[in-house]
Amino acid sequence: MTKDRKFTIILLVAAAVLVLVDQFTKLAAFGMPMLGINFTGIARGEYISVIGDFLQFTYVENPGMAFGISFGAGKIILSLFSILASIALVWYLFKIEKYSQFMRSAFALILAGAVGNLIDRVFYGILLQGRDLFYGNVIDFILVDIPDINIGNFSYSHWPVFNIADACVTIGVILLLINYKNIPQFDDIKKVK
């Protein structure tokens, strides 16, 4: 096994660990016994201070994409797209093994976030929320205060409530933006055997 292949495997294991952490924290926020511990969860409308008003935990079910962005084409299409995107990201990580570890790590973070929220969309509806398979809402619970932003009718008093998966995607995208000149083009990937 090559050094590059070993790093890809490490990235996939790290992504799996991030997915597990994401799922554990979401189920704790929902309120579910795990590992012999009875998590009572966070009641809707409840705010638990972690660092004053700056960082709080609350409970929100997000029917759309990251940070509450809605997707007009329907939940089933979003769920199916998430499955295809996750498979494509795994394939892509193997195709770009010769590229920088920094960039590959960014894609692994995006993969972890995509799979974390995919699990919610596909399974949480039927397991936790009284909905059908593929129609679950994503559980968000991290609230970060920001300075108030008021532009016309647009107003934010805090960052949109998010979860670990959303944070993984955001950090991955930021890393890609920092390294955008080195992202391989589709033609480059087609040449890789």
N, C-alpha and C. Protein backbone atom coordinates (compact mmCIF):
# COMPACT_ATOMS: atom_id res chain seq x y z
N MET A 1 0.85 -1.18 0.00
CA MET A 1 0.00 0.00 0.00
C MET A 1 0.90 1.24 0.00
N THR A 2 0.58 2.18 -0.88
CA THR A 2 1.39 3.39 -0.99
C THR A 2 1.10 4.34 0.17
N LYS A 3 2.01 5.29 0.36
CA LYS A 3 1.85 6.31 1.39
C LYS A 3 0.58 7.13 1.13
N ASP A 4 0.33 7.44 -0.14
CA ASP A 4 -0.87 8.22 -0.49
C ASP A 4 -2.15 7.44 -0.17
N ARG A 5 -2.14 6.14 -0.46
CA ARG A 5 -3.32 5.31 -0.18
C ARG A 5 -3.56 5.21 1.33
N LYS A 6 -2.47 5.08 2.09
CA LYS A 6 -2.60 5.03 3.56
C LYS A 6 -3.23 6.32 4.09
N PHE A 7 -2.80 7.45 3.52
CA PHE A 7 -3.37 8.72 3.97
C PHE A 7 -4.85 8.80 3.62
N THR A 8 -5.23 8.30 2.46
CA THR A 8 -6.65 8.29 2.09
C THR A 8 -7.45 7.44 3.07
N ILE A 9 -6.93 6.30 3.46
CA ILE A 9 -7.61 5.44 4.43
C ILE A 9 -7.73 6.16 5.78
N ILE A 10 -6.65 6.84 6.18
CA ILE A 10 -6.69 7.61 7.43
C ILE A 10 -7.77 8.69 7.35
N LEU A 11 -7.86 9.37 6.21
CA LEU A 11 -8.89 10.40 6.05
C LEU A 11 -10.29 9.81 6.14
N LEU A 12 -10.50 8.64 5.53
CA LEU A 12 -11.82 8.01 5.59
C LEU A 12 -12.17 7.57 7.02
N VAL A 13 -11.17 7.08 7.76
CA VAL A 13 -11.40 6.72 9.16
C VAL A 13 -11.71 7.97 9.98
N ALA A 14 -10.95 9.04 9.74
CA ALA A 14 -11.21 10.31 10.45
C ALA A 14 -12.61 10.83 10.13
N ALA A 15 -13.01 10.74 8.88
CA ALA A 15 -14.36 11.17 8.50
C ALA A 15 -15.41 10.33 9.22
N ALA A 16 -15.18 9.02 9.32
CA ALA A 16 -16.12 8.14 10.02
C ALA A 16 -16.21 8.51 11.50
N VAL A 17 -15.07 8.83 12.12
CA VAL A 17 -15.08 9.26 13.53
C VAL A 17 -15.86 10.56 13.68
N LEU A 18 -15.67 11.51 12.77
CA LEU A 18 -16.43 12.76 12.83
C LEU A 18 -17.93 12.51 12.67
N VAL A 19 -18.31 11.58 11.81
CA VAL A 19 -19.72 11.22 11.65
C VAL A 19 -20.26 10.66 12.97
N LEU A 20 -19.49 9.79 13.61
CA LEU A 20 -19.93 9.23 14.89
C LEU A 20 -20.09 10.31 15.96
N VAL A 21 -19.13 11.24 16.03
CA VAL A 21 -19.23 12.35 16.99
C VAL A 21 -20.47 13.19 16.68
N ASP A 22 -20.68 13.48 15.40
CA ASP A 22 -21.85 14.24 14.98
C ASP A 22 -23.14 13.55 15.41
N GLN A 23 -23.24 12.26 15.13
CA GLN A 23 -24.46 11.52 15.47
C GLN A 23 -24.65 11.42 16.98
N PHE A 24 -23.57 11.19 17.71
CA PHE A 24 -23.66 11.11 19.17
C PHE A 24 -24.19 12.41 19.76
N THR A 25 -23.64 13.54 19.28
CA THR A 25 -24.07 14.84 19.83
C THR A 25 -25.51 15.16 19.44
N LYS A 26 -25.92 14.79 18.23
CA LYS A 26 -27.30 15.03 17.81
C LYS A 26 -28.28 14.20 18.64
N LEU A 27 -27.94 12.94 18.87
CA LEU A 27 -28.83 12.08 19.66
C LEU A 27 -28.86 12.53 21.12
N ALA A 28 -27.74 13.05 21.63
CA ALA A 28 -27.72 13.61 22.98
C ALA A 28 -28.62 14.84 23.05
N ALA A 29 -28.56 15.69 22.03
CA ALA A 29 -29.42 16.88 21.99
C ALA A 29 -30.89 16.48 21.88
N PHE A 30 -31.17 15.42 21.11
CA PHE A 30 -32.54 14.93 20.96
C PHE A 30 -33.04 14.34 22.28
N GLY A 31 -32.16 13.66 22.99
CA GLY A 31 -32.51 13.04 24.26
C GLY A 31 -32.73 11.55 24.07
N MET A 32 -31.65 10.83 24.13
CA MET A 32 -31.73 9.39 23.89
C MET A 32 -30.67 8.70 24.74
N PRO A 33 -31.02 7.61 25.40
CA PRO A 33 -29.99 6.90 26.17
C PRO A 33 -28.94 6.28 25.25
N MET A 34 -27.67 6.50 25.59
CA MET A 34 -26.56 5.95 24.81
C MET A 34 -25.44 5.58 25.76
N LEU A 35 -24.80 4.47 25.49
CA LEU A 35 -23.64 4.03 26.25
C LEU A 35 -23.91 3.99 27.75
N GLY A 36 -25.13 3.63 28.12
CA GLY A 36 -25.49 3.54 29.52
C GLY A 36 -25.79 4.87 30.19
N ILE A 37 -25.78 5.94 29.42
CA ILE A 37 -26.06 7.27 29.97
C ILE A 37 -27.41 7.72 29.42
N ASN A 38 -28.27 8.20 30.30
CA ASN A 38 -29.58 8.68 29.86
C ASN A 38 -29.51 10.18 29.59
N PHE A 39 -29.42 10.54 28.32
CA PHE A 39 -29.40 11.95 27.94
C PHE A 39 -30.83 12.45 27.87
N THR A 40 -31.13 13.49 28.62
CA THR A 40 -32.50 14.01 28.64
C THR A 40 -32.79 14.88 27.44
N GLY A 41 -31.78 15.35 26.77
CA GLY A 41 -31.99 16.17 25.58
C GLY A 41 -32.22 17.62 25.93
N ILE A 42 -32.47 18.38 24.89
CA ILE A 42 -32.72 19.81 25.03
C ILE A 42 -34.16 20.06 24.59
N ALA A 43 -34.94 20.66 25.46
CA ALA A 43 -36.33 20.96 25.12
C ALA A 43 -36.38 22.06 24.07
N ARG A 44 -37.36 21.99 23.20
CA ARG A 44 -37.54 23.06 22.21
C ARG A 44 -37.75 24.38 22.94
N GLY A 45 -37.03 25.39 22.49
CA GLY A 45 -37.12 26.70 23.12
C GLY A 45 -36.17 26.88 24.30
N GLU A 46 -35.49 25.82 24.70
CA GLU A 46 -34.54 25.89 25.81
C GLU A 46 -33.17 26.32 25.28
N TYR A 47 -32.48 27.13 26.06
CA TYR A 47 -31.13 27.57 25.72
C TYR A 47 -30.21 27.22 26.89
N ILE A 48 -29.18 26.46 26.62
CA ILE A 48 -28.22 26.07 27.65
C ILE A 48 -26.93 26.81 27.38
N SER A 49 -26.55 27.64 28.33
CA SER A 49 -25.34 28.45 28.18
C SER A 49 -24.10 27.56 28.32
N VAL A 50 -23.20 27.67 27.35
CA VAL A 50 -21.92 26.97 27.40
C VAL A 50 -20.82 27.99 27.71
N ILE A 51 -20.81 29.08 26.96
CA ILE A 51 -19.90 30.21 27.20
C ILE A 51 -20.76 31.46 27.17
N GLY A 52 -21.38 31.78 28.30
CA GLY A 52 -22.26 32.95 28.39
C GLY A 52 -23.31 32.93 27.30
N ASP A 53 -23.55 34.10 26.71
CA ASP A 53 -24.49 34.19 25.59
C ASP A 53 -23.80 33.93 24.25
N PHE A 54 -22.47 33.87 24.26
CA PHE A 54 -21.73 33.68 23.01
C PHE A 54 -21.97 32.29 22.41
N LEU A 55 -21.91 31.25 23.24
CA LEU A 55 -22.09 29.87 22.77
C LEU A 55 -23.14 29.19 23.64
N GLN A 56 -24.22 28.75 22.98
CA GLN A 56 -25.31 28.09 23.68
C GLN A 56 -25.72 26.84 22.92
N PHE A 57 -26.36 25.93 23.64
CA PHE A 57 -26.99 24.78 22.99
C PHE A 57 -28.49 25.01 23.00
N THR A 58 -29.13 24.70 21.90
CA THR A 58 -30.58 24.76 21.78
C THR A 58 -30.97 23.62 20.84
N TYR A 59 -32.25 23.40 20.63
CA TYR A 59 -32.69 22.29 19.78
C TYR A 59 -33.52 22.83 18.63
N VAL A 60 -33.08 22.52 17.42
CA VAL A 60 -33.79 22.94 16.22
C VAL A 60 -33.80 21.77 15.24
N GLU A 61 -34.92 21.52 14.60
CA GLU A 61 -34.97 20.55 13.51
C GLU A 61 -34.99 21.32 12.21
N ASN A 62 -34.02 21.04 11.37
CA ASN A 62 -33.85 21.77 10.11
C ASN A 62 -34.34 20.89 8.96
N PRO A 63 -35.41 21.31 8.28
CA PRO A 63 -35.93 20.51 7.17
C PRO A 63 -35.14 20.68 5.86
N GLY A 64 -34.23 21.66 5.82
CA GLY A 64 -33.50 21.94 4.58
C GLY A 64 -32.06 21.50 4.64
N MET A 65 -31.20 22.34 4.09
CA MET A 65 -29.77 22.04 4.02
C MET A 65 -29.06 22.73 5.19
N ALA A 66 -27.75 22.82 5.09
CA ALA A 66 -26.94 23.42 6.14
C ALA A 66 -27.40 24.84 6.46
N PHE A 67 -27.41 25.15 7.74
CA PHE A 67 -27.75 26.48 8.25
C PHE A 67 -29.17 26.91 7.87
N GLY A 68 -30.08 25.96 7.68
CA GLY A 68 -31.47 26.27 7.42
C GLY A 68 -31.80 26.68 6.00
N ILE A 69 -30.86 26.51 5.08
CA ILE A 69 -31.13 26.85 3.68
C ILE A 69 -32.15 25.85 3.14
N SER A 70 -33.23 26.35 2.59
CA SER A 70 -34.27 25.44 2.10
C SER A 70 -33.95 25.00 0.68
N PHE A 71 -34.50 23.86 0.32
CA PHE A 71 -34.27 23.26 -0.98
C PHE A 71 -35.63 22.99 -1.58
N GLY A 72 -36.01 23.78 -2.58
CA GLY A 72 -37.36 23.74 -3.11
C GLY A 72 -37.75 22.47 -3.83
N ALA A 73 -36.81 21.66 -4.33
CA ALA A 73 -37.16 20.51 -5.15
C ALA A 73 -37.68 19.33 -4.36
N GLY A 74 -37.61 19.36 -3.05
CA GLY A 74 -38.17 18.28 -2.25
C GLY A 74 -37.12 17.51 -1.48
N LYS A 75 -37.57 17.00 -0.34
CA LYS A 75 -36.66 16.31 0.57
C LYS A 75 -36.11 15.02 -0.01
N ILE A 76 -36.92 14.29 -0.76
CA ILE A 76 -36.44 13.02 -1.30
C ILE A 76 -35.31 13.27 -2.30
N ILE A 77 -35.43 14.32 -3.09
CA ILE A 77 -34.37 14.66 -4.05
C ILE A 77 -33.11 15.10 -3.30
N LEU A 78 -33.28 15.89 -2.25
CA LEU A 78 -32.13 16.31 -1.44
C LEU A 78 -31.45 15.10 -0.80
N SER A 79 -32.24 14.16 -0.29
CA SER A 79 -31.69 12.96 0.33
C SER A 79 -30.94 12.11 -0.70
N LEU A 80 -31.54 11.90 -1.85
CA LEU A 80 -30.90 11.10 -2.89
C LEU A 80 -29.64 11.78 -3.41
N PHE A 81 -29.71 13.09 -3.58
CA PHE A 81 -28.52 13.84 -4.01
C PHE A 81 -27.40 13.70 -2.98
N SER A 82 -27.75 13.74 -1.69
CA SER A 82 -26.74 13.60 -0.64
C SER A 82 -26.07 12.24 -0.69
N ILE A 83 -26.84 11.20 -0.98
CA ILE A 83 -26.27 9.86 -1.10
C ILE A 83 -25.28 9.82 -2.27
N LEU A 84 -25.71 10.34 -3.42
CA LEU A 84 -24.83 10.34 -4.60
C LEU A 84 -23.59 11.20 -4.37
N ALA A 85 -23.76 12.35 -3.72
CA ALA A 85 -22.62 13.24 -3.45
C ALA A 85 -21.63 12.57 -2.51
N SER A 86 -22.12 11.84 -1.52
CA SER A 86 -21.24 11.15 -0.57
C SER A 86 -20.43 10.06 -1.28
N ILE A 87 -21.10 9.29 -2.14
CA ILE A 87 -20.40 8.26 -2.91
C ILE A 87 -19.35 8.91 -3.81
N ALA A 88 -19.73 10.01 -4.46
CA ALA A 88 -18.81 10.72 -5.35
C ALA A 88 -17.60 11.25 -4.57
N LEU A 89 -17.81 11.73 -3.36
CA LEU A 89 -16.69 12.25 -2.57
C LEU A 89 -15.71 11.14 -2.18
N VAL A 90 -16.22 9.95 -1.86
CA VAL A 90 -15.32 8.83 -1.56
C VAL A 90 -14.51 8.48 -2.81
N TRP A 91 -15.18 8.37 -3.94
CA TRP A 91 -14.50 8.09 -5.22
C TRP A 91 -13.44 9.16 -5.50
N TYR A 92 -13.82 10.42 -5.28
CA TYR A 92 -12.93 11.55 -5.56
C TYR A 92 -11.69 11.50 -4.67
N LEU A 93 -11.86 11.14 -3.40
CA LEU A 93 -10.71 11.05 -2.50
C LEU A 93 -9.68 10.03 -3.01
N PHE A 94 -10.17 8.95 -3.59
CA PHE A 94 -9.23 7.96 -4.15
C PHE A 94 -8.61 8.47 -5.46
N LYS A 95 -9.36 9.22 -6.23
CA LYS A 95 -8.85 9.72 -7.51
C LYS A 95 -7.78 10.81 -7.33
N ILE A 96 -7.84 11.55 -6.22
CA ILE A 96 -6.91 12.67 -6.04
C ILE A 96 -5.79 12.33 -5.04
N GLU A 97 -5.45 11.07 -4.92
CA GLU A 97 -4.44 10.65 -3.95
C GLU A 97 -3.08 11.30 -4.16
N LYS A 98 -2.78 11.73 -5.35
CA LYS A 98 -1.46 12.33 -5.63
C LYS A 98 -1.44 13.84 -5.34
N TYR A 99 -2.57 14.39 -4.96
CA TYR A 99 -2.65 15.83 -4.69
C TYR A 99 -2.36 16.10 -3.21
N SER A 100 -2.35 17.37 -2.84
CA SER A 100 -1.93 17.76 -1.49
C SER A 100 -2.82 17.16 -0.40
N GLN A 101 -2.17 16.84 0.71
CA GLN A 101 -2.90 16.31 1.86
C GLN A 101 -3.86 17.36 2.42
N PHE A 102 -3.48 18.62 2.34
CA PHE A 102 -4.31 19.72 2.81
C PHE A 102 -5.65 19.71 2.07
N MET A 103 -5.60 19.64 0.74
CA MET A 103 -6.81 19.66 -0.06
C MET A 103 -7.63 18.39 0.16
N ARG A 104 -6.97 17.26 0.23
CA ARG A 104 -7.67 15.99 0.45
C ARG A 104 -8.35 15.99 1.81
N SER A 105 -7.71 16.60 2.80
CA SER A 105 -8.32 16.71 4.13
C SER A 105 -9.59 17.56 4.08
N ALA A 106 -9.56 18.61 3.26
CA ALA A 106 -10.75 19.45 3.10
C ALA A 106 -11.91 18.64 2.53
N PHE A 107 -11.65 17.82 1.52
CA PHE A 107 -12.71 16.99 0.95
C PHE A 107 -13.20 15.94 1.95
N ALA A 108 -12.31 15.42 2.78
CA ALA A 108 -12.72 14.46 3.81
C ALA A 108 -13.64 15.11 4.83
N LEU A 109 -13.37 16.36 5.20
CA LEU A 109 -14.27 17.08 6.11
C LEU A 109 -15.64 17.28 5.48
N ILE A 110 -15.67 17.64 4.21
CA ILE A 110 -16.94 17.81 3.51
C ILE A 110 -17.70 16.48 3.46
N LEU A 111 -16.98 15.40 3.21
CA LEU A 111 -17.60 14.07 3.21
C LEU A 111 -18.21 13.76 4.57
N ALA A 112 -17.47 14.00 5.64
CA ALA A 112 -17.98 13.73 6.99
C ALA A 112 -19.26 14.52 7.26
N GLY A 113 -19.26 15.78 6.88
CA GLY A 113 -20.46 16.60 7.08
C GLY A 113 -21.64 16.14 6.25
N ALA A 114 -21.36 15.77 5.00
CA ALA A 114 -22.43 15.31 4.11
C ALA A 114 -23.07 14.03 4.65
N VAL A 115 -22.23 13.09 5.09
CA VAL A 115 -22.76 11.81 5.60
C VAL A 115 -23.49 12.03 6.93
N GLY A 116 -22.94 12.89 7.80
CA GLY A 116 -23.60 13.17 9.08
C GLY A 116 -25.02 13.68 8.90
N ASN A 117 -25.20 14.65 8.02
CA ASN A 117 -26.54 15.19 7.79
C ASN A 117 -27.40 14.25 6.95
N LEU A 118 -26.76 13.46 6.09
CA LEU A 118 -27.48 12.47 5.30
C LEU A 118 -28.17 11.45 6.20
N ILE A 119 -27.48 11.00 7.23
CA ILE A 119 -28.08 10.04 8.17
C ILE A 119 -29.35 10.62 8.77
N ASP A 120 -29.31 11.89 9.16
CA ASP A 120 -30.51 12.53 9.71
C ASP A 120 -31.65 12.52 8.70
N ARG A 121 -31.36 12.96 7.48
CA ARG A 121 -32.41 13.06 6.46
C ARG A 121 -33.02 11.71 6.11
N VAL A 122 -32.17 10.69 6.02
CA VAL A 122 -32.65 9.38 5.58
C VAL A 122 -33.34 8.63 6.72
N PHE A 123 -32.74 8.62 7.91
CA PHE A 123 -33.22 7.72 8.97
C PHE A 123 -33.95 8.38 10.12
N TYR A 124 -33.65 9.64 10.44
CA TYR A 124 -34.25 10.25 11.62
C TYR A 124 -35.75 10.43 11.50
N GLY A 125 -36.25 10.62 10.27
CA GLY A 125 -37.69 10.76 10.09
C GLY A 125 -38.42 9.55 10.63
N ILE A 126 -37.99 8.38 10.23
CA ILE A 126 -38.68 7.16 10.63
C ILE A 126 -38.31 6.73 12.05
N LEU A 127 -37.08 6.97 12.48
CA LEU A 127 -36.63 6.51 13.79
C LEU A 127 -36.99 7.45 14.94
N LEU A 128 -36.99 8.76 14.69
CA LEU A 128 -37.13 9.71 15.79
C LEU A 128 -38.27 10.71 15.64
N GLN A 129 -38.65 11.03 14.41
CA GLN A 129 -39.50 12.20 14.19
C GLN A 129 -40.90 11.88 13.68
N GLY A 130 -41.26 10.62 13.59
CA GLY A 130 -42.60 10.27 13.14
C GLY A 130 -42.87 10.60 11.68
N ARG A 131 -41.83 10.53 10.86
CA ARG A 131 -41.97 10.79 9.43
C ARG A 131 -41.55 9.55 8.66
N ASP A 132 -41.59 9.63 7.36
CA ASP A 132 -41.20 8.52 6.51
C ASP A 132 -39.69 8.48 6.32
N LEU A 133 -39.20 7.32 5.84
CA LEU A 133 -37.81 7.17 5.45
C LEU A 133 -37.48 8.21 4.38
N PHE A 134 -36.33 8.83 4.46
CA PHE A 134 -35.85 9.88 3.56
C PHE A 134 -36.48 11.25 3.85
N TYR A 135 -37.32 11.37 4.84
CA TYR A 135 -38.00 12.64 5.11
C TYR A 135 -37.68 13.20 6.49
N GLY A 136 -36.54 12.82 7.05
CA GLY A 136 -36.16 13.32 8.36
C GLY A 136 -35.63 14.74 8.30
N ASN A 137 -35.72 15.41 9.43
CA ASN A 137 -35.13 16.73 9.59
C ASN A 137 -33.77 16.58 10.24
N VAL A 138 -32.84 17.44 9.89
CA VAL A 138 -31.51 17.45 10.49
C VAL A 138 -31.60 18.12 11.85
N ILE A 139 -30.95 17.51 12.84
CA ILE A 139 -30.93 18.09 14.18
C ILE A 139 -29.76 19.07 14.28
N ASP A 140 -30.07 20.31 14.63
CA ASP A 140 -29.08 21.35 14.86
C ASP A 140 -29.18 21.76 16.33
N PHE A 141 -28.05 22.13 16.93
CA PHE A 141 -28.11 22.45 18.36
C PHE A 141 -27.07 23.46 18.83
N ILE A 142 -26.16 23.92 17.98
CA ILE A 142 -25.11 24.85 18.40
C ILE A 142 -25.50 26.26 17.96
N LEU A 143 -25.56 27.16 18.91
CA LEU A 143 -25.94 28.55 18.65
C LEU A 143 -24.78 29.45 19.03
N VAL A 144 -24.30 30.23 18.07
CA VAL A 144 -23.19 31.15 18.30
C VAL A 144 -23.69 32.58 18.08
N ASP A 145 -23.47 33.41 19.09
CA ASP A 145 -23.88 34.82 19.01
C ASP A 145 -22.90 35.59 18.14
N ILE A 146 -23.41 36.46 17.30
CA ILE A 146 -22.59 37.34 16.49
C ILE A 146 -23.11 38.76 16.68
N PRO A 147 -22.33 39.76 16.33
CA PRO A 147 -22.87 41.12 16.38
C PRO A 147 -24.10 41.22 15.47
N ASP A 148 -25.09 41.97 15.90
CA ASP A 148 -26.31 42.12 15.11
C ASP A 148 -26.01 42.67 13.72
N ILE A 149 -26.65 42.06 12.73
CA ILE A 149 -26.51 42.49 11.34
C ILE A 149 -27.90 42.91 10.86
N ASN A 150 -28.03 44.15 10.42
CA ASN A 150 -29.30 44.66 9.90
C ASN A 150 -29.03 45.38 8.58
N ILE A 151 -29.50 44.76 7.50
CA ILE A 151 -29.38 45.37 6.18
C ILE A 151 -30.76 45.28 5.53
N GLY A 152 -31.46 46.40 5.45
CA GLY A 152 -32.81 46.39 4.90
C GLY A 152 -33.71 45.49 5.74
N ASN A 153 -34.37 44.53 5.12
CA ASN A 153 -35.23 43.59 5.84
C ASN A 153 -34.46 42.38 6.37
N PHE A 154 -33.18 42.32 6.10
CA PHE A 154 -32.33 41.21 6.52
C PHE A 154 -31.78 41.51 7.90
N SER A 155 -32.01 40.58 8.85
CA SER A 155 -31.56 40.80 10.22
C SER A 155 -31.10 39.49 10.85
N TYR A 156 -29.89 39.52 11.42
CA TYR A 156 -29.37 38.35 12.13
C TYR A 156 -28.86 38.81 13.49
N SER A 157 -29.27 38.12 14.56
CA SER A 157 -28.74 38.41 15.89
C SER A 157 -27.78 37.31 16.33
N HIS A 158 -27.78 36.19 15.60
CA HIS A 158 -26.87 35.08 15.89
C HIS A 158 -26.64 34.30 14.59
N TRP A 159 -25.59 33.53 14.59
CA TRP A 159 -25.31 32.65 13.45
C TRP A 159 -26.41 31.62 13.39
N PRO A 160 -26.80 31.15 12.19
CA PRO A 160 -27.83 30.10 12.15
C PRO A 160 -27.40 28.88 12.97
N VAL A 161 -28.35 28.29 13.69
CA VAL A 161 -28.06 27.13 14.53
C VAL A 161 -27.51 26.01 13.64
N PHE A 162 -26.46 25.34 14.11
CA PHE A 162 -25.80 24.34 13.28
C PHE A 162 -25.42 23.13 14.12
N ASN A 163 -24.74 22.17 13.50
CA ASN A 163 -24.29 20.95 14.18
C ASN A 163 -22.85 20.66 13.77
N ILE A 164 -22.31 19.55 14.25
CA ILE A 164 -20.92 19.18 13.95
C ILE A 164 -20.74 18.94 12.44
N ALA A 165 -21.73 18.29 11.81
CA ALA A 165 -21.64 18.04 10.37
C ALA A 165 -21.56 19.34 9.58
N ASP A 166 -22.39 20.31 9.94
CA ASP A 166 -22.35 21.61 9.27
C ASP A 166 -20.98 22.27 9.45
N ALA A 167 -20.41 22.15 10.66
CA ALA A 167 -19.09 22.73 10.93
C ALA A 167 -18.03 22.05 10.06
N CYS A 168 -18.13 20.73 9.89
CA CYS A 168 -17.18 20.01 9.03
C CYS A 168 -17.25 20.52 7.60
N VAL A 169 -18.46 20.65 7.08
CA VAL A 169 -18.61 21.14 5.70
C VAL A 169 -18.05 22.55 5.57
N THR A 170 -18.37 23.41 6.52
CA THR A 170 -17.92 24.80 6.47
C THR A 170 -16.39 24.89 6.51
N ILE A 171 -15.77 24.16 7.43
CA ILE A 171 -14.31 24.18 7.52
C ILE A 171 -13.69 23.61 6.25
N GLY A 172 -14.27 22.51 5.73
CA GLY A 172 -13.77 21.93 4.48
C GLY A 172 -13.83 22.90 3.32
N VAL A 173 -14.94 23.61 3.19
CA VAL A 173 -15.09 24.58 2.10
C VAL A 173 -14.11 25.74 2.27
N ILE A 174 -13.93 26.21 3.50
CA ILE A 174 -12.97 27.29 3.74
C ILE A 174 -11.56 26.85 3.34
N LEU A 175 -11.20 25.61 3.71
CA LEU A 175 -9.87 25.10 3.33
C LEU A 175 -9.73 25.01 1.82
N LEU A 176 -10.80 24.60 1.13
CA LEU A 176 -10.75 24.56 -0.34
C LEU A 176 -10.61 25.95 -0.94
N LEU A 177 -11.31 26.93 -0.36
CA LEU A 177 -11.20 28.30 -0.86
C LEU A 177 -9.78 28.83 -0.67
N ILE A 178 -9.16 28.47 0.44
CA ILE A 178 -7.77 28.89 0.67
C ILE A 178 -6.85 28.27 -0.37
N ASN A 179 -7.15 27.05 -0.78
CA ASN A 179 -6.29 26.29 -1.68
C ASN A 179 -6.93 26.10 -3.06
N TYR A 180 -7.81 27.00 -3.46
CA TYR A 180 -8.62 26.81 -4.67
C TYR A 180 -7.80 26.65 -5.95
N LYS A 181 -6.61 27.24 -6.00
CA LYS A 181 -5.80 27.15 -7.23
C LYS A 181 -5.28 25.74 -7.46
N ASN A 182 -5.26 24.92 -6.42
CA ASN A 182 -4.70 23.57 -6.55
C ASN A 182 -5.76 22.48 -6.66
N ILE A 183 -7.03 22.85 -6.74
CA ILE A 183 -8.08 21.85 -6.90
C ILE A 183 -7.99 21.28 -8.31
N PRO A 184 -7.88 19.96 -8.43
CA PRO A 184 -7.72 19.39 -9.78
C PRO A 184 -8.98 19.59 -10.63
N GLN A 185 -8.74 19.84 -11.89
CA GLN A 185 -9.83 19.99 -12.85
C GLN A 185 -10.33 18.61 -13.24
N PHE A 186 -11.54 18.55 -13.78
CA PHE A 186 -12.13 17.28 -14.17
C PHE A 186 -11.24 16.53 -15.16
N ASP A 187 -10.65 17.25 -16.11
CA ASP A 187 -9.76 16.63 -17.11
C ASP A 187 -8.55 15.97 -16.43
N ASP A 188 -8.04 16.59 -15.37
CA ASP A 188 -6.91 16.01 -14.64
C ASP A 188 -7.31 14.70 -13.96
N ILE A 189 -8.51 14.67 -13.42
CA ILE A 189 -8.98 13.47 -12.71
C ILE A 189 -9.24 12.34 -13.70
N LYS A 190 -9.74 12.65 -14.88
CA LYS A 190 -9.99 11.62 -15.87
C LYS A 190 -8.71 10.89 -16.27
N LYS A 191 -7.57 11.60 -16.20
CA LYS A 191 -6.29 11.01 -16.60
C LYS A 191 -5.73 10.06 -15.55
N VAL A 192 -6.20 10.20 -14.27
CA VAL A 192 -5.67 9.38 -13.17
C VAL A 192 -6.19 7.95 -13.34
N LYS A 193 -5.29 7.00 -13.21
CA LYS A 193 -5.68 5.59 -13.33
C LYS A 193 -5.74 4.95 -12.00
